[in-house]
Each structure stands twice: as structure tokens, then as C-alpha cells.
Amino acid sequence: MDKEYNPDIITLEDDDGVEYTFEVLDRIETDEARYVALLPVYDDPQKLLDDSGELVILKVVEENNEEFFEDIEDDDEYNMIVDAFTERLQDAFEIEEAED
């Protein structure tokens, strides 16, 4: 039996009120926090072609029973989470690690 693909699509708004649409590719929960790996979604095919293809990695913060997403400010924390997502997703997607 074939499973139908139903992507988890979310829309986030930045501080200027601009909305962006993403597909949630993966979620990771550690003892300290929760994180999501997002891929931008575009209605315009040209924007998709122009996109860098980089994942957007955000921390999930809960306040008053609502989820918010924020940038990961700590470089060590960010690198640890990026490595974890890369390891988990590289088999499902063609992920090339950037050279330093």
C-alpha cells in the first residue's frame, strides 16, 4: 500500500511582518530544547531555482502554551544541532556538507 505524501507546511512571520512558508523536514528534541529543520517553499518556480537550498534550523520555544521559533544564538549549540540534522537527513536527501 502506497503512503500518500502530506508535507508539514508552516508559515512564519518575521519582525517586519513578512510571511515565509516552510516545509518541516525533521524535528529533534534534546534534554535542553527542541529544534526544527525547515526548507523554504515557494509558489514561484523561479524563486525555487534561485534558492540556495540550505535548511533553516530554528529552536522551538514554548510560551503560554504557544510555540514560537527563534534563531539559535550559541554557535556551539547551532553546530551540534546542524550536525545532528545533517546526519539524520543525509540518507533521505542529497545533502552535501559545506567545506570550511
PDB file of N, CA and C in Angstrom:
ATOM      1  N   MET A   1       0.843  -1.182   0.000  1.00  0.00           N
ATOM      2  CA  MET A   1       0.000   0.000   0.000  1.00  0.00           C
ATOM      3  C   MET A   1       0.886   1.244   0.000  1.00  0.00           C
ATOM      4  N   ASP A   2       0.635   2.153  -0.918  1.00  0.00           N
ATOM      5  CA  ASP A   2       1.410   3.383  -1.006  1.00  0.00           C
ATOM      6  C   ASP A   2       0.931   4.374   0.039  1.00  0.00           C
ATOM      7  N   LYS A   3       1.917   5.016   0.688  1.00  0.00           N
ATOM      8  CA  LYS A   3       1.571   6.089   1.614  1.00  0.00           C
ATOM      9  C   LYS A   3       1.534   7.394   0.837  1.00  0.00           C
ATOM     10  N   GLU A   4       0.502   8.169   1.051  1.00  0.00           N
ATOM     11  CA  GLU A   4       0.397   9.457   0.390  1.00  0.00           C
ATOM     12  C   GLU A   4       1.259  10.464   1.138  1.00  0.00           C
ATOM     13  N   TYR A   5       2.035  11.251   0.397  1.00  0.00           N
ATOM     14  CA  TYR A   5       2.917  12.242   0.991  1.00  0.00           C
ATOM     15  C   TYR A   5       2.126  13.492   1.340  1.00  0.00           C
ATOM     16  N   ASN A   6       2.124  13.851   2.601  1.00  0.00           N
ATOM     17  CA  ASN A   6       1.461  15.059   3.078  1.00  0.00           C
ATOM     18  C   ASN A   6       2.476  15.891   3.849  1.00  0.00           C
ATOM     19  N   PRO A   7       3.095  16.858   3.184  1.00  0.00           N
ATOM     20  CA  PRO A   7       4.127  17.638   3.872  1.00  0.00           C
ATOM     21  C   PRO A   7       3.545  18.472   5.016  1.00  0.00           C
ATOM     22  N   ASP A   8       4.377  18.677   6.024  1.00  0.00           N
ATOM     23  CA  ASP A   8       4.025  19.524   7.161  1.00  0.00           C
ATOM     24  C   ASP A   8       4.461  20.941   6.802  1.00  0.00           C
ATOM     25  N   ILE A   9       3.517  21.781   6.395  1.00  0.00           N
ATOM     26  CA  ILE A   9       3.803  23.140   5.935  1.00  0.00           C
ATOM     27  C   ILE A   9       3.422  24.130   7.027  1.00  0.00           C
ATOM     28  N   ILE A  10       4.359  25.069   7.301  1.00  0.00           N
ATOM     29  CA  ILE A  10       4.077  26.123   8.272  1.00  0.00           C
ATOM     30  C   ILE A  10       4.420  27.472   7.652  1.00  0.00           C
ATOM     31  N   THR A  11       3.774  28.503   8.147  1.00  0.00           N
ATOM     32  CA  THR A  11       4.066  29.870   7.724  1.00  0.00           C
ATOM     33  C   THR A  11       4.539  30.640   8.942  1.00  0.00           C
ATOM     34  N   LEU A  12       5.698  31.279   8.803  1.00  0.00           N
ATOM     35  CA  LEU A  12       6.273  32.074   9.882  1.00  0.00           C
ATOM     36  C   LEU A  12       6.340  33.525   9.450  1.00  0.00           C
ATOM     37  N   GLU A  13       6.200  34.411  10.425  1.00  0.00           N
ATOM     38  CA  GLU A  13       6.238  35.842  10.155  1.00  0.00           C
ATOM     39  C   GLU A  13       7.448  36.435  10.858  1.00  0.00           C
ATOM     40  N   ASP A  14       8.232  37.255  10.126  1.00  0.00           N
ATOM     41  CA  ASP A  14       9.397  37.869  10.747  1.00  0.00           C
ATOM     42  C   ASP A  14       8.985  39.132  11.498  1.00  0.00           C
ATOM     43  N   ASP A  15       9.956  39.814  12.088  1.00  0.00           N
ATOM     44  CA  ASP A  15       9.679  41.004  12.892  1.00  0.00           C
ATOM     45  C   ASP A  15       9.071  42.146  12.089  1.00  0.00           C
ATOM     46  N   ASP A  16       9.275  42.123  10.766  1.00  0.00           N
ATOM     47  CA  ASP A  16       8.727  43.163   9.896  1.00  0.00           C
ATOM     48  C   ASP A  16       7.352  42.807   9.334  1.00  0.00           C
ATOM     49  N   GLY A  17       6.819  41.650   9.741  1.00  0.00           N
ATOM     50  CA  GLY A  17       5.503  41.235   9.268  1.00  0.00           C
ATOM     51  C   GLY A  17       5.519  40.492   7.944  1.00  0.00           C
ATOM     52  N   VAL A  18       6.701  40.166   7.428  1.00  0.00           N
ATOM     53  CA  VAL A  18       6.808  39.426   6.177  1.00  0.00           C
ATOM     54  C   VAL A  18       6.637  37.938   6.470  1.00  0.00           C
ATOM     55  N   GLU A  19       5.763  37.288   5.701  1.00  0.00           N
ATOM     56  CA  GLU A  19       5.491  35.864   5.911  1.00  0.00           C
ATOM     57  C   GLU A  19       6.340  35.003   4.987  1.00  0.00           C
ATOM     58  N   TYR A  20       6.807  33.873   5.538  1.00  0.00           N
ATOM     59  CA  TYR A  20       7.595  32.891   4.799  1.00  0.00           C
ATOM     60  C   TYR A  20       6.977  31.520   5.036  1.00  0.00           C
ATOM     61  N   THR A  21       6.959  30.700   4.005  1.00  0.00           N
ATOM     62  CA  THR A  21       6.378  29.367   4.094  1.00  0.00           C
ATOM     63  C   THR A  21       7.500  28.339   4.048  1.00  0.00           C
ATOM     64  N   PHE A  22       7.392  27.327   4.923  1.00  0.00           N
ATOM     65  CA  PHE A  22       8.402  26.287   5.027  1.00  0.00           C
ATOM     66  C   PHE A  22       7.758  24.921   5.130  1.00  0.00           C
ATOM     67  N   GLU A  23       8.507  23.922   4.681  1.00  0.00           N
ATOM     68  CA  GLU A  23       8.150  22.533   4.934  1.00  0.00           C
ATOM     69  C   GLU A  23       9.009  22.061   6.097  1.00  0.00           C
ATOM     70  N   VAL A  24       8.383  21.460   7.097  1.00  0.00           N
ATOM     71  CA  VAL A  24       9.118  20.906   8.230  1.00  0.00           C
ATOM     72  C   VAL A  24       9.666  19.549   7.786  1.00  0.00           C
ATOM     73  N   LEU A  25      10.995  19.441   7.701  1.00  0.00           N
ATOM     74  CA  LEU A  25      11.621  18.197   7.265  1.00  0.00           C
ATOM     75  C   LEU A  25      11.897  17.251   8.417  1.00  0.00           C
ATOM     76  N   ASP A  26      12.214  17.814   9.580  1.00  0.00           N
ATOM     77  CA  ASP A  26      12.565  16.968  10.716  1.00  0.00           C
ATOM     78  C   ASP A  26      12.467  17.780  11.989  1.00  0.00           C
ATOM     79  N   ARG A  27      12.361  17.061  13.085  1.00  0.00           N
ATOM     80  CA  ARG A  27      12.345  17.662  14.426  1.00  0.00           C
ATOM     81  C   ARG A  27      13.285  16.865  15.305  1.00  0.00           C
ATOM     82  N   ILE A  28      13.995  17.571  16.168  1.00  0.00           N
ATOM     83  CA  ILE A  28      14.881  16.921  17.136  1.00  0.00           C
ATOM     84  C   ILE A  28      14.572  17.493  18.514  1.00  0.00           C
ATOM     85  N   GLU A  29      14.503  16.610  19.486  1.00  0.00           N
ATOM     86  CA  GLU A  29      14.318  17.037  20.865  1.00  0.00           C
ATOM     87  C   GLU A  29      15.498  16.532  21.682  1.00  0.00           C
ATOM     88  N   THR A  30      16.139  17.445  22.410  1.00  0.00           N
ATOM     89  CA  THR A  30      17.229  17.084  23.308  1.00  0.00           C
ATOM     90  C   THR A  30      16.743  17.279  24.733  1.00  0.00           C
ATOM     91  N   ASP A  31      17.614  17.027  25.689  1.00  0.00           N
ATOM     92  CA  ASP A  31      17.247  17.264  27.086  1.00  0.00           C
ATOM     93  C   ASP A  31      17.037  18.752  27.364  1.00  0.00           C
ATOM     94  N   GLU A  32      17.698  19.600  26.559  1.00  0.00           N
ATOM     95  CA  GLU A  32      17.642  21.039  26.792  1.00  0.00           C
ATOM     96  C   GLU A  32      16.580  21.768  25.977  1.00  0.00           C
ATOM     97  N   ALA A  33      16.309  21.301  24.746  1.00  0.00           N
ATOM     98  CA  ALA A  33      15.420  22.071  23.868  1.00  0.00           C
ATOM     99  C   ALA A  33      14.912  21.218  22.714  1.00  0.00           C
ATOM    100  N   ARG A  34      14.014  21.842  21.916  1.00  0.00           N
ATOM    101  CA  ARG A  34      13.504  21.220  20.698  1.00  0.00           C
ATOM    102  C   ARG A  34      13.901  22.089  19.513  1.00  0.00           C
ATOM    103  N   TYR A  35      14.102  21.433  18.360  1.00  0.00           N
ATOM    104  CA  TYR A  35      14.565  22.129  17.165  1.00  0.00           C
ATOM    105  C   TYR A  35      13.813  21.598  15.953  1.00  0.00           C
ATOM    106  N   VAL A  36      13.753  22.446  14.901  1.00  0.00           N
ATOM    107  CA  VAL A  36      13.149  22.026  13.635  1.00  0.00           C
ATOM    108  C   VAL A  36      14.088  22.354  12.486  1.00  0.00           C
ATOM    109  N   ALA A  37      14.056  21.494  11.468  1.00  0.00           N
ATOM    110  CA  ALA A  37      14.766  21.735  10.214  1.00  0.00           C
ATOM    111  C   ALA A  37      13.710  22.061   9.174  1.00  0.00           C
ATOM    112  N   LEU A  38      13.828  23.232   8.569  1.00  0.00           N
ATOM    113  CA  LEU A  38      12.831  23.722   7.628  1.00  0.00           C
ATOM    114  C   LEU A  38      13.450  23.937   6.253  1.00  0.00           C
ATOM    115  N   LEU A  39      12.624  23.743   5.237  1.00  0.00           N
ATOM    116  CA  LEU A  39      13.023  24.004   3.857  1.00  0.00           C
ATOM    117  C   LEU A  39      12.028  25.012   3.286  1.00  0.00           C
ATOM    118  N   PRO A  40      12.529  26.138   2.733  1.00  0.00           N
ATOM    119  CA  PRO A  40      11.604  27.134   2.174  1.00  0.00           C
ATOM    120  C   PRO A  40      10.733  26.546   1.065  1.00  0.00           C
ATOM    121  N   VAL A  41       9.481  27.006   1.008  1.00  0.00           N
ATOM    122  CA  VAL A  41       8.527  26.600  -0.024  1.00  0.00           C
ATOM    123  C   VAL A  41       8.159  27.858  -0.807  1.00  0.00           C
ATOM    124  N   TYR A  42       8.160  27.730  -2.120  1.00  0.00           N
ATOM    125  CA  TYR A  42       7.861  28.885  -2.976  1.00  0.00           C
ATOM    126  C   TYR A  42       6.728  28.549  -3.941  1.00  0.00           C
ATOM    127  N   ASP A  43       5.882  29.556  -4.204  1.00  0.00           N
ATOM    128  CA  ASP A  43       4.851  29.423  -5.226  1.00  0.00           C
ATOM    129  C   ASP A  43       5.443  29.671  -6.609  1.00  0.00           C
ATOM    130  N   ASP A  44       6.460  30.525  -6.665  1.00  0.00           N
ATOM    131  CA  ASP A  44       7.106  30.895  -7.920  1.00  0.00           C
ATOM    132  C   ASP A  44       8.261  29.929  -8.208  1.00  0.00           C
ATOM    133  N   PRO A  45       8.193  29.171  -9.302  1.00  0.00           N
ATOM    134  CA  PRO A  45       9.265  28.215  -9.618  1.00  0.00           C
ATOM    135  C   PRO A  45      10.639  28.867  -9.753  1.00  0.00           C
ATOM    136  N   GLN A  46      10.696  30.113 -10.219  1.00  0.00           N
ATOM    137  CA  GLN A  46      11.987  30.787 -10.367  1.00  0.00           C
ATOM    138  C   GLN A  46      12.638  31.026  -9.007  1.00  0.00           C
ATOM    139  N   LYS A  47      11.840  31.357  -7.996  1.00  0.00           N
ATOM    140  CA  LYS A  47      12.390  31.557  -6.650  1.00  0.00           C
ATOM    141  C   LYS A  47      12.968  30.251  -6.110  1.00  0.00           C
ATOM    142  N   LEU A  48      12.327  29.141  -6.440  1.00  0.00           N
ATOM    143  CA  LEU A  48      12.837  27.835  -6.029  1.00  0.00           C
ATOM    144  C   LEU A  48      14.193  27.577  -6.674  1.00  0.00           C
ATOM    145  N   LEU A  49      14.324  27.902  -7.945  1.00  0.00           N
ATOM    146  CA  LEU A  49      15.590  27.713  -8.644  1.00  0.00           C
ATOM    147  C   LEU A  49      16.680  28.637  -8.099  1.00  0.00           C
ATOM    148  N   ASP A  50      16.305  29.832  -7.680  1.00  0.00           N
ATOM    149  CA  ASP A  50      17.264  30.812  -7.173  1.00  0.00           C
ATOM    150  C   ASP A  50      17.669  30.549  -5.719  1.00  0.00           C
ATOM    151  N   ASP A  51      16.898  29.732  -5.011  1.00  0.00           N
ATOM    152  CA  ASP A  51      17.168  29.469  -3.595  1.00  0.00           C
ATOM    153  C   ASP A  51      18.466  28.681  -3.425  1.00  0.00           C
ATOM    154  N   SER A  52      19.152  28.905  -2.324  1.00  0.00           N
ATOM    155  CA  SER A  52      20.425  28.232  -2.052  1.00  0.00           C
ATOM    156  C   SER A  52      20.244  26.767  -1.679  1.00  0.00           C
ATOM    157  N   GLY A  53      19.039  26.392  -1.267  1.00  0.00           N
ATOM    158  CA  GLY A  53      18.791  25.013  -0.876  1.00  0.00           C
ATOM    159  C   GLY A  53      19.209  24.694   0.543  1.00  0.00           C
ATOM    160  N   GLU A  54      19.636  25.711   1.282  1.00  0.00           N
ATOM    161  CA  GLU A  54      20.064  25.491   2.658  1.00  0.00           C
ATOM    162  C   GLU A  54      18.857  25.321   3.576  1.00  0.00           C
ATOM    163  N   LEU A  55      19.027  24.432   4.549  1.00  0.00           N
ATOM    164  CA  LEU A  55      17.992  24.241   5.558  1.00  0.00           C
ATOM    165  C   LEU A  55      17.981  25.427   6.509  1.00  0.00           C
ATOM    166  N   VAL A  56      16.821  25.721   7.040  1.00  0.00           N
ATOM    167  CA  VAL A  56      16.681  26.716   8.090  1.00  0.00           C
ATOM    168  C   VAL A  56      16.492  25.932   9.386  1.00  0.00           C
ATOM    169  N   ILE A  57      17.392  26.140  10.335  1.00  0.00           N
ATOM    170  CA  ILE A  57      17.344  25.424  11.611  1.00  0.00           C
ATOM    171  C   ILE A  57      16.952  26.419  12.691  1.00  0.00           C
ATOM    172  N   LEU A  58      15.870  26.129  13.405  1.00  0.00           N
ATOM    173  CA  LEU A  58      15.381  27.025  14.450  1.00  0.00           C
ATOM    174  C   LEU A  58      15.129  26.262  15.738  1.00  0.00           C
ATOM    175  N   LYS A  59      15.177  26.992  16.842  1.00  0.00           N
ATOM    176  CA  LYS A  59      14.852  26.443  18.159  1.00  0.00           C
ATOM    177  C   LYS A  59      13.365  26.681  18.409  1.00  0.00           C
ATOM    178  N   VAL A  60      12.700  25.700  18.993  1.00  0.00           N
ATOM    179  CA  VAL A  60      11.282  25.814  19.336  1.00  0.00           C
ATOM    180  C   VAL A  60      11.189  26.249  20.796  1.00  0.00           C
ATOM    181  N   VAL A  61      10.494  27.350  21.018  1.00  0.00           N
ATOM    182  CA  VAL A  61      10.318  27.887  22.366  1.00  0.00           C
ATOM    183  C   VAL A  61       8.827  27.925  22.659  1.00  0.00           C
ATOM    184  N   GLU A  62       8.449  27.490  23.846  1.00  0.00           N
ATOM    185  CA  GLU A  62       7.032  27.493  24.209  1.00  0.00           C
ATOM    186  C   GLU A  62       6.787  28.533  25.299  1.00  0.00           C
ATOM    187  N   GLU A  63       5.805  29.400  25.024  1.00  0.00           N
ATOM    188  CA  GLU A  63       5.383  30.416  25.989  1.00  0.00           C
ATOM    189  C   GLU A  63       3.864  30.448  25.999  1.00  0.00           C
ATOM    190  N   ASN A  64       3.285  30.373  27.197  1.00  0.00           N
ATOM    191  CA  ASN A  64       1.827  30.423  27.334  1.00  0.00           C
ATOM    192  C   ASN A  64       1.137  29.414  26.423  1.00  0.00           C
ATOM    193  N   ASN A  65       1.662  28.188  26.388  1.00  0.00           N
ATOM    194  CA  ASN A  65       1.128  27.093  25.581  1.00  0.00           C
ATOM    195  C   ASN A  65       1.126  27.370  24.079  1.00  0.00           C
ATOM    196  N   GLU A  66       1.967  28.299  23.620  1.00  0.00           N
ATOM    197  CA  GLU A  66       2.118  28.581  22.196  1.00  0.00           C
ATOM    198  C   GLU A  66       3.559  28.331  21.802  1.00  0.00           C
ATOM    199  N   GLU A  67       3.748  27.767  20.604  1.00  0.00           N
ATOM    200  CA  GLU A  67       5.089  27.528  20.087  1.00  0.00           C
ATOM    201  C   GLU A  67       5.572  28.731  19.289  1.00  0.00           C
ATOM    202  N   PHE A  68       6.818  29.098  19.552  1.00  0.00           N
ATOM    203  CA  PHE A  68       7.494  30.146  18.799  1.00  0.00           C
ATOM    204  C   PHE A  68       8.810  29.577  18.303  1.00  0.00           C
ATOM    205  N   PHE A  69       9.310  30.131  17.232  1.00  0.00           N
ATOM    206  CA  PHE A  69      10.579  29.683  16.668  1.00  0.00           C
ATOM    207  C   PHE A  69      11.563  30.832  16.746  1.00  0.00           C
ATOM    208  N   GLU A  70      12.797  30.510  17.148  1.00  0.00           N
ATOM    209  CA  GLU A  70      13.805  31.556  17.243  1.00  0.00           C
ATOM    210  C   GLU A  70      15.145  31.043  16.731  1.00  0.00           C
ATOM    211  N   ASP A  71      15.992  31.989  16.340  1.00  0.00           N
ATOM    212  CA  ASP A  71      17.336  31.642  15.893  1.00  0.00           C
ATOM    213  C   ASP A  71      18.118  31.041  17.057  1.00  0.00           C
ATOM    214  N   ILE A  72      19.072  30.199  16.719  1.00  0.00           N
ATOM    215  CA  ILE A  72      19.963  29.624  17.724  1.00  0.00           C
ATOM    216  C   ILE A  72      21.168  30.549  17.810  1.00  0.00           C
ATOM    217  N   GLU A  73      21.303  31.246  18.918  1.00  0.00           N
ATOM    218  CA  GLU A  73      22.346  32.259  19.076  1.00  0.00           C
ATOM    219  C   GLU A  73      23.716  31.666  19.392  1.00  0.00           C
ATOM    220  N   ASP A  74      23.756  30.578  20.143  1.00  0.00           N
ATOM    221  CA  ASP A  74      25.016  29.974  20.564  1.00  0.00           C
ATOM    222  C   ASP A  74      25.612  29.146  19.426  1.00  0.00           C
ATOM    223  N   ASP A  75      26.844  29.473  19.004  1.00  0.00           N
ATOM    224  CA  ASP A  75      27.482  28.784  17.875  1.00  0.00           C
ATOM    225  C   ASP A  75      27.678  27.297  18.130  1.00  0.00           C
ATOM    226  N   ASP A  76      28.095  26.930  19.341  1.00  0.00           N
ATOM    227  CA  ASP A  76      28.311  25.513  19.657  1.00  0.00           C
ATOM    228  C   ASP A  76      26.996  24.739  19.597  1.00  0.00           C
ATOM    229  N   GLU A  77      25.942  25.315  20.149  1.00  0.00           N
ATOM    230  CA  GLU A  77      24.619  24.680  20.112  1.00  0.00           C
ATOM    231  C   GLU A  77      24.153  24.534  18.667  1.00  0.00           C
ATOM    232  N   TYR A  78      24.321  25.603  17.872  1.00  0.00           N
ATOM    233  CA  TYR A  78      23.905  25.575  16.473  1.00  0.00           C
ATOM    234  C   TYR A  78      24.644  24.484  15.701  1.00  0.00           C
ATOM    235  N   ASN A  79      25.954  24.441  15.853  1.00  0.00           N
ATOM    236  CA  ASN A  79      26.753  23.438  15.138  1.00  0.00           C
ATOM    237  C   ASN A  79      26.380  22.018  15.537  1.00  0.00           C
ATOM    238  N   MET A  80      26.099  21.800  16.815  1.00  0.00           N
ATOM    239  CA  MET A  80      25.705  20.476  17.288  1.00  0.00           C
ATOM    240  C   MET A  80      24.377  20.047  16.633  1.00  0.00           C
ATOM    241  N   ILE A  81      23.421  20.968  16.569  1.00  0.00           N
ATOM    242  CA  ILE A  81      22.108  20.653  16.006  1.00  0.00           C
ATOM    243  C   ILE A  81      22.190  20.477  14.493  1.00  0.00           C
ATOM    244  N   VAL A  82      22.965  21.314  13.815  1.00  0.00           N
ATOM    245  CA  VAL A  82      23.136  21.164  12.369  1.00  0.00           C
ATOM    246  C   VAL A  82      23.742  19.800  12.056  1.00  0.00           C
ATOM    247  N   ASP A  83      24.753  19.396  12.819  1.00  0.00           N
ATOM    248  CA  ASP A  83      25.369  18.082  12.615  1.00  0.00           C
ATOM    249  C   ASP A  83      24.353  16.956  12.826  1.00  0.00           C
ATOM    250  N   ALA A  84      23.515  17.093  13.850  1.00  0.00           N
ATOM    251  CA  ALA A  84      22.504  16.064  14.130  1.00  0.00           C
ATOM    252  C   ALA A  84      21.491  15.974  12.992  1.00  0.00           C
ATOM    253  N   PHE A  85      21.001  17.120  12.508  1.00  0.00           N
ATOM    254  CA  PHE A  85      20.050  17.110  11.398  1.00  0.00           C
ATOM    255  C   PHE A  85      20.703  16.567  10.123  1.00  0.00           C
ATOM    256  N   THR A  86      21.931  16.973   9.854  1.00  0.00           N
ATOM    257  CA  THR A  86      22.627  16.503   8.655  1.00  0.00           C
ATOM    258  C   THR A  86      22.759  14.991   8.668  1.00  0.00           C
ATOM    259  N   GLU A  87      23.139  14.457   9.803  1.00  0.00           N
ATOM    260  CA  GLU A  87      23.283  13.003   9.926  1.00  0.00           C
ATOM    261  C   GLU A  87      21.954  12.293   9.695  1.00  0.00           C
ATOM    262  N   ARG A  88      20.887  12.835  10.263  1.00  0.00           N
ATOM    263  CA  ARG A  88      19.572  12.208  10.131  1.00  0.00           C
ATOM    264  C   ARG A  88      19.000  12.327   8.726  1.00  0.00           C
ATOM    265  N   LEU A  89      19.270  13.450   8.049  1.00  0.00           N
ATOM    266  CA  LEU A  89      18.623  13.726   6.766  1.00  0.00           C
ATOM    267  C   LEU A  89      19.452  13.360   5.543  1.00  0.00           C
ATOM    268  N   GLN A  90      20.739  13.113   5.706  1.00  0.00           N
ATOM    269  CA  GLN A  90      21.573  12.888   4.525  1.00  0.00           C
ATOM    270  C   GLN A  90      21.207  11.628   3.762  1.00  0.00           C
ATOM    271  N   ASP A  91      20.623  10.653   4.414  1.00  0.00           N
ATOM    272  CA  ASP A  91      20.193   9.453   3.708  1.00  0.00           C
ATOM    273  C   ASP A  91      18.934   9.689   2.883  1.00  0.00           C
ATOM    274  N   ALA A  92      18.034  10.537   3.378  1.00  0.00           N
ATOM    275  CA  ALA A  92      16.774  10.789   2.690  1.00  0.00           C
ATOM    276  C   ALA A  92      16.905  11.844   1.592  1.00  0.00           C
ATOM    277  N   PHE A  93      17.870  12.749   1.751  1.00  0.00           N
ATOM    278  CA  PHE A  93      18.058  13.845   0.808  1.00  0.00           C
ATOM    279  C   PHE A  93      19.523  13.887   0.400  1.00  0.00           C
ATOM    280  N   GLU A  94      19.784  14.480  -0.735  1.00  0.00           N
ATOM    281  CA  GLU A  94      21.164  14.621  -1.185  1.00  0.00           C
ATOM    282  C   GLU A  94      21.765  15.847  -0.530  1.00  0.00           C
ATOM    283  N   ILE A  95      22.333  15.660   0.659  1.00  0.00           N
ATOM    284  CA  ILE A  95      22.911  16.765   1.407  1.00  0.00           C
ATOM    285  C   ILE A  95      24.424  16.708   1.261  1.00  0.00           C
ATOM    286  N   GLU A  96      24.966  17.808   0.787  1.00  0.00           N
ATOM    287  CA  GLU A  96      26.417  17.922   0.671  1.00  0.00           C
ATOM    288  C   GLU A  96      26.894  18.823   1.794  1.00  0.00           C
ATOM    289  N   GLU A  97      27.900  18.357   2.524  1.00  0.00           N
ATOM    290  CA  GLU A  97      28.424  19.166   3.605  1.00  0.00           C
ATOM    291  C   GLU A  97      29.298  20.255   3.029  1.00  0.00           C
ATOM    292  N   ALA A  98      29.129  21.478   3.561  1.00  0.00           N
ATOM    293  CA  ALA A  98      29.902  22.608   3.103  1.00  0.00           C
ATOM    294  C   ALA A  98      31.343  22.482   3.560  1.00  0.00           C
ATOM    295  N   GLU A  99      32.250  22.900   2.688  1.00  0.00           N
ATOM    296  CA  GLU A  99      33.659  22.880   3.056  1.00  0.00           C
ATOM    297  C   GLU A  99      33.976  24.138   3.841  1.00  0.00           C
ATOM    298  N   ASP A 100      34.785  23.997   4.882  1.00  0.00           N
ATOM    299  CA  ASP A 100      35.154  25.167   5.710  1.00  0.00           C
ATOM    300  C   ASP A 100      36.192  26.015   5.055  1.00  0.00           C
TER     301      ASP A 100
END
